[in-house]
Amino acid sequence: MIRVTAAIIEKDGKFLIARRKEGHLSGMWEFPGGKIEEGESPEECLKREIFEELGIILQ
C-alpha cells in the first residue's frame, strides 16, 4: 500500500493547484502533496511536500 497526502487549499472560491514539471505526467495539473515517507506523519509529509513543490513553509 502506498500512503499519500494532498492539500486542497481554497480562498475566496479559488483553489491552489500546481503544474507538474517532470515525469510522464509533466504539464498536468494536481493538488500539492505526495508520498508519505517511512516514519513520517501525514501532516509532516504535507508540510515537506508543500515546501519542496512550492517553497512555502507551513506552520
N, C-alpha and C. Protein backbone atom coordinates (compact mmCIF):
# COMPACT_ATOMS: atom_id res chain seq x y z
N MET A 1 0.84 -1.17 0.00
CA MET A 1 0.00 0.00 0.00
C MET A 1 0.89 1.24 0.00
N ILE A 2 0.56 2.20 -0.84
CA ILE A 2 1.26 3.48 -0.87
C ILE A 2 0.35 4.51 -0.21
N ARG A 3 0.90 5.18 0.80
CA ARG A 3 0.14 6.22 1.50
C ARG A 3 0.58 7.59 0.99
N VAL A 4 -0.39 8.46 0.73
CA VAL A 4 -0.11 9.80 0.20
C VAL A 4 -0.93 10.85 0.94
N THR A 5 -0.50 12.10 0.79
CA THR A 5 -1.28 13.22 1.30
C THR A 5 -1.48 14.21 0.15
N ALA A 6 -2.51 15.03 0.27
CA ALA A 6 -2.74 16.10 -0.70
C ALA A 6 -3.41 17.26 0.03
N ALA A 7 -3.08 18.47 -0.41
CA ALA A 7 -3.67 19.67 0.17
C ALA A 7 -4.67 20.26 -0.81
N ILE A 8 -5.85 20.54 -0.31
CA ILE A 8 -6.82 21.28 -1.11
C ILE A 8 -6.97 22.62 -0.41
N ILE A 9 -6.36 23.64 -1.00
CA ILE A 9 -6.30 24.97 -0.40
C ILE A 9 -7.23 25.89 -1.19
N GLU A 10 -8.22 26.45 -0.48
CA GLU A 10 -9.23 27.29 -1.12
C GLU A 10 -9.26 28.65 -0.44
N LYS A 11 -9.38 29.70 -1.23
CA LYS A 11 -9.56 31.05 -0.70
C LYS A 11 -10.44 31.81 -1.68
N ASP A 12 -11.52 32.35 -1.16
CA ASP A 12 -12.45 33.15 -1.96
C ASP A 12 -12.93 32.41 -3.21
N GLY A 13 -13.19 31.11 -3.05
CA GLY A 13 -13.71 30.31 -4.15
C GLY A 13 -12.67 29.90 -5.19
N LYS A 14 -11.40 30.18 -4.93
CA LYS A 14 -10.32 29.78 -5.83
C LYS A 14 -9.48 28.71 -5.15
N PHE A 15 -8.99 27.76 -5.96
CA PHE A 15 -8.22 26.64 -5.43
C PHE A 15 -6.79 26.69 -5.94
N LEU A 16 -5.85 26.32 -5.05
CA LEU A 16 -4.44 26.27 -5.41
C LEU A 16 -4.13 24.91 -6.03
N ILE A 17 -3.65 24.91 -7.27
CA ILE A 17 -3.18 23.71 -7.92
C ILE A 17 -1.82 24.02 -8.55
N ALA A 18 -1.06 22.98 -8.83
CA ALA A 18 0.28 23.17 -9.39
C ALA A 18 0.42 22.32 -10.65
N ARG A 19 1.23 22.81 -11.58
CA ARG A 19 1.50 22.06 -12.81
C ARG A 19 2.78 21.26 -12.64
N ARG A 20 2.73 19.97 -12.95
CA ARG A 20 3.90 19.09 -12.84
C ARG A 20 4.97 19.50 -13.84
N LYS A 21 6.22 19.52 -13.37
CA LYS A 21 7.34 19.92 -14.23
C LYS A 21 7.99 18.74 -14.93
N GLU A 22 8.07 17.59 -14.25
CA GLU A 22 8.85 16.46 -14.77
C GLU A 22 8.03 15.18 -14.77
N GLY A 23 8.55 14.17 -15.46
CA GLY A 23 7.94 12.85 -15.42
C GLY A 23 6.93 12.63 -16.52
N HIS A 24 6.33 11.44 -16.50
CA HIS A 24 5.39 11.09 -17.56
C HIS A 24 4.09 11.89 -17.51
N LEU A 25 3.84 12.56 -16.40
CA LEU A 25 2.64 13.40 -16.28
C LEU A 25 2.98 14.89 -16.33
N SER A 26 4.15 15.23 -16.88
CA SER A 26 4.55 16.64 -16.93
C SER A 26 3.51 17.46 -17.68
N GLY A 27 3.29 18.66 -17.16
CA GLY A 27 2.30 19.55 -17.76
C GLY A 27 0.91 19.39 -17.20
N MET A 28 0.67 18.29 -16.47
CA MET A 28 -0.66 18.05 -15.90
C MET A 28 -0.80 18.83 -14.60
N TRP A 29 -2.04 19.11 -14.23
CA TRP A 29 -2.32 19.86 -13.00
C TRP A 29 -2.64 18.90 -11.87
N GLU A 30 -2.25 19.30 -10.63
CA GLU A 30 -2.50 18.46 -9.46
C GLU A 30 -2.53 19.32 -8.20
N PHE A 31 -3.15 18.79 -7.17
CA PHE A 31 -3.07 19.42 -5.85
C PHE A 31 -1.71 19.09 -5.26
N PRO A 32 -1.10 20.02 -4.50
CA PRO A 32 0.20 19.71 -3.90
C PRO A 32 0.09 18.56 -2.90
N GLY A 33 1.12 17.74 -2.84
CA GLY A 33 1.16 16.61 -1.92
C GLY A 33 2.10 15.54 -2.45
N GLY A 34 2.08 14.39 -1.83
CA GLY A 34 2.95 13.31 -2.28
C GLY A 34 2.96 12.13 -1.33
N LYS A 35 3.92 11.25 -1.55
CA LYS A 35 4.01 10.00 -0.78
C LYS A 35 4.55 10.26 0.63
N ILE A 36 3.95 9.56 1.59
CA ILE A 36 4.38 9.63 2.98
C ILE A 36 5.60 8.73 3.13
N GLU A 37 6.69 9.30 3.66
CA GLU A 37 7.92 8.53 3.84
C GLU A 37 7.88 7.74 5.15
N GLU A 38 8.73 6.73 5.25
CA GLU A 38 8.82 5.88 6.44
C GLU A 38 9.01 6.74 7.69
N GLY A 39 8.17 6.51 8.72
CA GLY A 39 8.28 7.22 9.99
C GLY A 39 7.72 8.63 9.98
N GLU A 40 7.08 9.02 8.90
CA GLU A 40 6.57 10.39 8.75
C GLU A 40 5.05 10.38 8.94
N SER A 41 4.53 11.38 9.64
CA SER A 41 3.07 11.50 9.77
C SER A 41 2.51 12.16 8.51
N PRO A 42 1.21 12.00 8.26
CA PRO A 42 0.62 12.68 7.10
C PRO A 42 0.82 14.19 7.15
N GLU A 43 0.73 14.77 8.35
CA GLU A 43 0.92 16.21 8.49
C GLU A 43 2.35 16.63 8.15
N GLU A 44 3.33 15.84 8.61
CA GLU A 44 4.73 16.13 8.31
C GLU A 44 4.98 16.00 6.81
N CYS A 45 4.40 14.99 6.21
CA CYS A 45 4.54 14.79 4.77
C CYS A 45 4.01 15.99 4.00
N LEU A 46 2.84 16.45 4.37
CA LEU A 46 2.23 17.57 3.66
C LEU A 46 3.07 18.83 3.79
N LYS A 47 3.59 19.09 4.98
CA LYS A 47 4.46 20.25 5.16
C LYS A 47 5.71 20.13 4.28
N ARG A 48 6.32 18.95 4.27
CA ARG A 48 7.53 18.73 3.47
C ARG A 48 7.24 18.87 1.98
N GLU A 49 6.18 18.24 1.52
CA GLU A 49 5.84 18.28 0.10
C GLU A 49 5.51 19.68 -0.38
N ILE A 50 4.77 20.44 0.41
CA ILE A 50 4.44 21.81 0.01
C ILE A 50 5.69 22.67 -0.04
N PHE A 51 6.62 22.45 0.88
CA PHE A 51 7.88 23.19 0.83
C PHE A 51 8.67 22.79 -0.41
N GLU A 52 8.79 21.48 -0.68
CA GLU A 52 9.55 21.01 -1.83
C GLU A 52 8.95 21.49 -3.15
N GLU A 53 7.64 21.46 -3.26
CA GLU A 53 6.97 21.78 -4.51
C GLU A 53 6.76 23.28 -4.73
N LEU A 54 6.46 23.99 -3.64
CA LEU A 54 6.05 25.38 -3.78
C LEU A 54 6.95 26.38 -3.03
N GLY A 55 7.87 25.87 -2.20
CA GLY A 55 8.73 26.76 -1.44
C GLY A 55 8.02 27.48 -0.31
N ILE A 56 6.88 26.94 0.12
CA ILE A 56 6.08 27.54 1.19
C ILE A 56 6.29 26.76 2.48
N ILE A 57 6.59 27.46 3.56
CA ILE A 57 6.76 26.82 4.88
C ILE A 57 5.44 26.92 5.62
N LEU A 58 4.87 25.76 5.98
CA LEU A 58 3.62 25.72 6.73
C LEU A 58 3.95 25.65 8.23
N GLN A 59 3.17 26.32 9.02
CA GLN A 59 3.35 26.33 10.48
C GLN A 59 2.61 25.16 11.10
